[in-house]
C-alpha cells in the first residue's frame, strides 16, 4: 500500500483506531526505556493511583515553572 493510499484510508478509521495509529507511529521514534527506568515509571504510576491527590495538574505545574525566577 502506498503512502497516499494510507492517507486516503485514514478517514475510514475510528477515532480510537487513529489514536492507536498515532501512538504506534510515535513509539517507532522513541528509544526503549531501560529496565530501571521502566520500574521507576511503574512505581510512580502506582503511587499516583494510590494517592491521586499528591499529583499536580499540568496547568498548575506550568504556572509554577513560569513564576520561578530565571537563572
N, C-alpha and C. Protein backbone atom coordinates (compact mmCIF):
# COMPACT_ATOMS: atom_id res chain seq x y z
N UNK A 1 0.85 -1.17 0.00
CA UNK A 1 0.00 0.00 0.00
C UNK A 1 0.90 1.24 0.00
N UNK A 2 0.59 2.18 -0.86
CA UNK A 2 1.40 3.39 -0.94
C UNK A 2 1.04 4.36 0.19
N UNK A 3 1.91 5.32 0.40
CA UNK A 3 1.68 6.33 1.42
C UNK A 3 0.38 7.08 1.15
N UNK A 4 0.14 7.45 -0.10
CA UNK A 4 -1.09 8.17 -0.45
C UNK A 4 -2.33 7.33 -0.20
N UNK A 5 -2.24 6.03 -0.44
CA UNK A 5 -3.36 5.14 -0.17
C UNK A 5 -3.64 5.09 1.34
N UNK A 6 -2.58 5.04 2.11
CA UNK A 6 -2.74 5.05 3.58
C UNK A 6 -3.45 6.32 4.00
N UNK A 7 -3.00 7.46 3.49
CA UNK A 7 -3.64 8.73 3.83
C UNK A 7 -5.11 8.74 3.44
N UNK A 8 -5.43 8.19 2.28
CA UNK A 8 -6.82 8.13 1.83
C UNK A 8 -7.69 7.28 2.74
N UNK A 9 -7.11 6.27 3.35
CA UNK A 9 -7.87 5.36 4.21
C UNK A 9 -8.05 5.88 5.63
N UNK A 10 -7.29 6.90 6.03
CA UNK A 10 -7.37 7.40 7.41
C UNK A 10 -8.78 7.83 7.81
N UNK A 11 -9.50 8.44 6.89
CA UNK A 11 -10.84 8.93 7.23
C UNK A 11 -11.81 7.78 7.52
N UNK A 12 -11.50 6.58 7.10
CA UNK A 12 -12.37 5.43 7.36
C UNK A 12 -12.14 4.85 8.76
N UNK A 13 -11.06 5.26 9.42
CA UNK A 13 -10.76 4.73 10.75
C UNK A 13 -11.56 5.45 11.82
N UNK A 14 -11.83 4.76 12.90
CA UNK A 14 -12.49 5.40 14.04
C UNK A 14 -11.48 6.27 14.76
N UNK A 15 -11.97 7.11 15.64
CA UNK A 15 -11.10 7.96 16.43
C UNK A 15 -10.11 7.11 17.23
N UNK A 16 -10.61 6.05 17.85
CA UNK A 16 -9.75 5.17 18.64
C UNK A 16 -8.67 4.53 17.78
N UNK A 17 -9.02 4.11 16.58
CA UNK A 17 -8.05 3.50 15.68
C UNK A 17 -6.98 4.50 15.27
N UNK A 18 -7.39 5.75 15.01
CA UNK A 18 -6.41 6.78 14.65
C UNK A 18 -5.49 7.08 15.82
N UNK A 19 -6.03 7.08 17.05
CA UNK A 19 -5.20 7.32 18.22
C UNK A 19 -4.16 6.22 18.40
N UNK A 20 -4.57 4.98 18.18
CA UNK A 20 -3.62 3.86 18.27
C UNK A 20 -2.55 4.01 17.20
N UNK A 21 -2.95 4.36 16.01
CA UNK A 21 -2.02 4.55 14.90
C UNK A 21 -0.99 5.64 15.23
N UNK A 22 -1.46 6.73 15.79
CA UNK A 22 -0.56 7.82 16.17
C UNK A 22 0.42 7.35 17.24
N UNK A 23 -0.11 6.65 18.26
CA UNK A 23 0.76 6.15 19.33
C UNK A 23 1.83 5.23 18.78
N UNK A 24 1.43 4.33 17.89
CA UNK A 24 2.39 3.39 17.31
C UNK A 24 3.45 4.13 16.49
N UNK A 25 3.05 5.14 15.74
CA UNK A 25 4.00 5.90 14.94
C UNK A 25 4.99 6.63 15.83
N UNK A 26 4.53 7.20 16.93
CA UNK A 26 5.42 7.91 17.85
C UNK A 26 6.36 6.92 18.53
N UNK A 27 5.86 5.75 18.87
CA UNK A 27 6.69 4.74 19.52
C UNK A 27 7.86 4.29 18.64
N UNK A 28 7.70 4.37 17.34
CA UNK A 28 8.77 3.96 16.44
C UNK A 28 10.01 4.83 16.62
N UNK A 29 9.81 6.09 17.01
CA UNK A 29 10.93 7.01 17.19
C UNK A 29 11.43 7.07 18.63
N UNK A 30 10.68 6.48 19.56
CA UNK A 30 11.07 6.51 20.96
C UNK A 30 12.08 5.42 21.26
N UNK A 31 13.13 5.82 21.96
CA UNK A 31 14.10 4.81 22.42
C UNK A 31 13.44 4.02 23.54
N UNK A 32 13.66 2.73 23.60
CA UNK A 32 13.04 1.95 24.68
C UNK A 32 13.62 2.33 26.03
N UNK A 33 12.79 2.23 27.06
CA UNK A 33 13.24 2.53 28.41
C UNK A 33 14.10 1.39 28.94
N UNK A 34 15.05 1.73 29.76
CA UNK A 34 15.83 0.69 30.43
C UNK A 34 14.93 0.02 31.46
N UNK A 35 15.33 -1.12 31.95
CA UNK A 35 14.54 -1.83 32.96
C UNK A 35 14.39 -0.95 34.21
N UNK A 36 15.43 -0.24 34.58
CA UNK A 36 15.37 0.64 35.77
C UNK A 36 14.39 1.79 35.55
N UNK A 37 14.43 2.39 34.35
CA UNK A 37 13.51 3.49 34.05
C UNK A 37 12.07 2.99 34.00
N UNK A 38 11.87 1.82 33.41
CA UNK A 38 10.52 1.23 33.35
C UNK A 38 9.99 0.98 34.76
N UNK A 39 10.84 0.46 35.64
CA UNK A 39 10.44 0.21 37.03
C UNK A 39 10.09 1.50 37.74
N UNK A 40 10.85 2.57 37.48
CA UNK A 40 10.58 3.86 38.09
C UNK A 40 9.23 4.41 37.63
N UNK A 41 8.96 4.33 36.34
CA UNK A 41 7.67 4.78 35.81
C UNK A 41 6.53 4.00 36.45
N UNK A 42 6.66 2.69 36.51
CA UNK A 42 5.61 1.87 37.11
C UNK A 42 5.40 2.19 38.58
N UNK A 43 6.49 2.42 39.31
CA UNK A 43 6.39 2.75 40.73
C UNK A 43 5.69 4.09 40.93
N UNK A 44 6.04 5.05 40.11
CA UNK A 44 5.41 6.37 40.23
C UNK A 44 3.94 6.33 39.82
N UNK A 45 3.62 5.54 38.82
CA UNK A 45 2.23 5.39 38.42
C UNK A 45 1.42 4.72 39.52
N UNK A 46 1.98 3.68 40.13
CA UNK A 46 1.30 3.00 41.24
C UNK A 46 1.10 3.96 42.42
N UNK A 47 2.10 4.79 42.71
CA UNK A 47 1.98 5.77 43.78
C UNK A 47 0.88 6.78 43.47
N UNK A 48 0.78 7.17 42.21
CA UNK A 48 -0.29 8.11 41.81
C UNK A 48 -1.66 7.47 42.00
N UNK A 49 -1.81 6.21 41.59
CA UNK A 49 -3.10 5.55 41.74
C UNK A 49 -3.45 5.38 43.21
N UNK A 50 -2.44 5.18 44.06
CA UNK A 50 -2.67 5.03 45.49
C UNK A 50 -3.09 6.35 46.12
N UNK A 51 -2.49 7.46 45.64
CA UNK A 51 -2.78 8.76 46.22
C UNK A 51 -2.85 9.81 45.09
N UNK A 52 -3.96 9.83 44.34
CA UNK A 52 -4.06 10.76 43.21
C UNK A 52 -3.98 12.23 43.61
N UNK A 53 -4.33 12.54 44.86
CA UNK A 53 -4.27 13.92 45.31
C UNK A 53 -2.86 14.46 45.44
N UNK A 54 -1.88 13.58 45.39
CA UNK A 54 -0.49 14.03 45.52
C UNK A 54 0.05 14.61 44.22
N UNK A 55 -0.66 14.45 43.14
CA UNK A 55 -0.18 14.97 41.86
C UNK A 55 -0.62 16.42 41.68
N UNK A 56 0.00 17.08 40.72
CA UNK A 56 -0.30 18.47 40.41
C UNK A 56 -0.80 18.53 38.97
N UNK A 57 -1.93 19.19 38.74
CA UNK A 57 -2.40 19.32 37.36
C UNK A 57 -1.37 20.03 36.48
N UNK A 58 -1.34 19.69 35.21
CA UNK A 58 -0.36 20.24 34.28
C UNK A 58 -0.40 21.76 34.26
N UNK A 59 -1.59 22.36 34.21
CA UNK A 59 -1.68 23.83 34.17
C UNK A 59 -1.05 24.46 35.41
N UNK A 60 -1.25 23.84 36.57
CA UNK A 60 -0.65 24.33 37.80
C UNK A 60 0.87 24.22 37.74
N UNK A 61 1.36 23.11 37.25
CA UNK A 61 2.81 22.93 37.15
C UNK A 61 3.41 23.96 36.19
N UNK A 62 2.75 24.21 35.07
CA UNK A 62 3.24 25.22 34.14
C UNK A 62 3.28 26.59 34.81
N UNK A 63 2.23 26.93 35.56
CA UNK A 63 2.18 28.21 36.25
C UNK A 63 3.34 28.32 37.23
N UNK A 64 3.58 27.27 37.98
CA UNK A 64 4.68 27.28 38.95
C UNK A 64 6.03 27.47 38.26
N UNK A 65 6.23 26.74 37.18
CA UNK A 65 7.51 26.83 36.48
C UNK A 65 7.72 28.22 35.88
N UNK A 66 6.66 28.81 35.35
CA UNK A 66 6.78 30.14 34.74
C UNK A 66 7.00 31.23 35.78
N UNK A 67 6.55 30.99 37.00
CA UNK A 67 6.69 32.01 38.04
C UNK A 67 8.04 31.94 38.74
N UNK A 68 8.84 30.93 38.47
CA UNK A 68 10.16 30.81 39.09
C UNK A 68 11.11 31.84 38.52
N UNK A 69 12.00 32.34 39.35
CA UNK A 69 12.99 33.31 38.83
C UNK A 69 13.91 32.64 37.81
N UNK A 70 14.26 33.40 36.81
CA UNK A 70 15.17 32.89 35.77
C UNK A 70 16.58 32.80 36.35
N UNK A 71 17.31 31.78 35.97
CA UNK A 71 18.69 31.64 36.44
C UNK A 71 19.66 32.38 35.58
